[in-house]
Protein backbone atom coordinates (compact mmCIF):
# COMPACT_ATOMS: atom_id res chain seq x y z
CA MET A 1 -132.68 -98.26 -92.43
CA SER A 2 -134.63 -96.39 -89.71
CA VAL A 3 -135.82 -99.80 -88.04
CA CYS A 4 -132.60 -101.15 -87.95
CA GLY A 5 -130.94 -98.23 -86.00
CA SER A 6 -131.97 -99.57 -83.22
CA PHE A 7 -130.57 -102.77 -82.62
CA PRO A 8 -127.79 -102.62 -79.80
CA ALA A 9 -124.12 -102.71 -80.58
CA MET A 10 -122.06 -105.59 -79.65
CA PRO A 11 -120.12 -104.69 -76.86
CA ALA A 12 -115.93 -104.47 -77.49
CA PRO A 13 -114.48 -107.90 -77.38
CA PRO A 14 -111.81 -108.20 -74.65
CA ALA A 15 -108.41 -107.18 -74.66
CA LEU A 16 -105.60 -109.66 -75.74
CA THR A 17 -103.74 -111.24 -72.54
CA ASP A 18 -99.45 -112.33 -72.70
CA LEU A 19 -99.28 -115.53 -74.09
CA SER A 20 -95.87 -116.59 -73.44
CA VAL A 21 -95.82 -120.19 -74.60
CA PRO A 22 -94.89 -121.14 -78.36
CA SER A 23 -97.22 -121.48 -81.15
CA VAL A 24 -97.77 -123.60 -83.85
CA VAL A 25 -99.93 -122.90 -86.94
CA ALA A 26 -100.48 -125.08 -89.71
CA THR A 27 -101.97 -124.88 -93.11
CA ALA A 28 -102.12 -125.77 -96.52
CA ALA A 29 -101.10 -123.41 -99.24
CA ALA A 30 -104.15 -124.19 -101.43
CA ASP A 31 -106.83 -124.47 -98.57
CA PRO A 32 -109.88 -123.23 -100.22
CA LEU A 33 -111.15 -122.68 -96.87
CA THR A 34 -108.22 -120.25 -95.14
CA ALA A 35 -106.94 -117.58 -97.75
CA ARG A 36 -102.92 -117.41 -96.76
CA SER A 37 -103.24 -114.34 -95.62
CA ALA A 38 -105.22 -115.56 -92.84
CA LEU A 39 -102.17 -117.12 -91.85
CA GLU A 40 -100.19 -113.73 -91.88
CA THR A 41 -103.07 -112.51 -89.39
CA LEU A 42 -103.07 -115.23 -87.00
CA THR A 43 -99.27 -114.95 -86.48
CA GLY A 44 -98.89 -111.11 -86.37
CA GLN A 45 -101.92 -111.63 -83.92
CA LEU A 46 -100.30 -114.41 -81.74
CA THR A 47 -97.01 -112.01 -82.02
CA VAL A 48 -98.76 -109.18 -80.35
CA VAL A 49 -99.55 -111.07 -77.53
CA GLY A 50 -96.13 -112.25 -76.87
CA ALA A 51 -96.33 -115.79 -78.36
CA LYS A 52 -93.87 -116.86 -80.06
CA PRO A 53 -95.35 -118.68 -83.69
CA THR A 54 -94.58 -121.00 -86.19
CA SER A 55 -95.70 -121.79 -88.64
CA ILE A 56 -95.74 -125.01 -90.99
CA THR A 57 -97.08 -124.79 -94.52
CA TRP A 58 -98.51 -128.18 -96.92
CA ALA A 59 -98.05 -127.75 -100.54
CA GLY A 60 -101.11 -129.74 -100.82
CA LEU A 61 -104.92 -129.28 -101.57
CA GLY A 62 -107.42 -128.59 -99.46
CA ASP A 63 -108.13 -128.11 -95.68
CA GLY A 64 -107.13 -130.28 -93.00
CA ALA A 65 -103.15 -130.19 -93.10
CA VAL A 66 -102.41 -131.32 -90.04
CA VAL A 67 -104.72 -134.74 -90.73
CA ARG A 68 -103.20 -135.02 -94.57
CA SER A 69 -99.52 -134.40 -94.22
CA ALA A 70 -97.12 -136.97 -92.45
CA CYS A 71 -94.58 -134.07 -92.46
CA ILE A 72 -96.88 -131.68 -90.50
CA GLN A 73 -97.81 -134.57 -88.33
CA LYS A 74 -94.29 -135.38 -87.36
CA SER A 75 -93.78 -131.63 -86.99
CA ILE A 76 -96.04 -131.01 -84.44
CA VAL A 77 -95.80 -134.56 -82.03
CA PRO A 78 -93.01 -133.12 -80.27
CA TYR A 79 -95.28 -129.74 -79.77
CA LEU A 80 -97.99 -131.66 -78.49
CA ASP A 81 -95.92 -133.46 -76.07
CA LYS A 82 -93.59 -130.99 -74.46
CA VAL A 83 -94.48 -127.84 -75.86
CA ASP A 84 -91.67 -127.80 -78.00
CA ALA A 85 -92.42 -125.80 -80.94
CA PRO A 86 -91.06 -127.02 -84.30
CA SER A 87 -88.92 -124.49 -86.65
CA ALA A 88 -91.22 -122.91 -89.36
CA ARG A 89 -91.02 -125.46 -92.61
CA ALA A 90 -92.79 -125.97 -95.32
CA CYS A 91 -93.77 -129.46 -96.41
CA PRO A 92 -94.11 -131.38 -99.79
CA ALA A 93 -97.61 -132.31 -101.31
């Protein structure tokens, strides 16, 4: 253990800055890579920095909800076009 004690400490991450744009977070309900708690953590962090996050969930299996769900794709096109965030919604599988 004393050998590991000489490793340098990591510097603190930069402080979060104000992000005053609408944000969209899309996820799948049964995503094996990202747990549901990650969605809550991300939207919480976005709220802390002043963003207005909207979450869109897909009830399907697997990751990549944006590429696998036409419902989510239709929801995010206006956001990508004009930064017009959709309302929170749940899309069927």
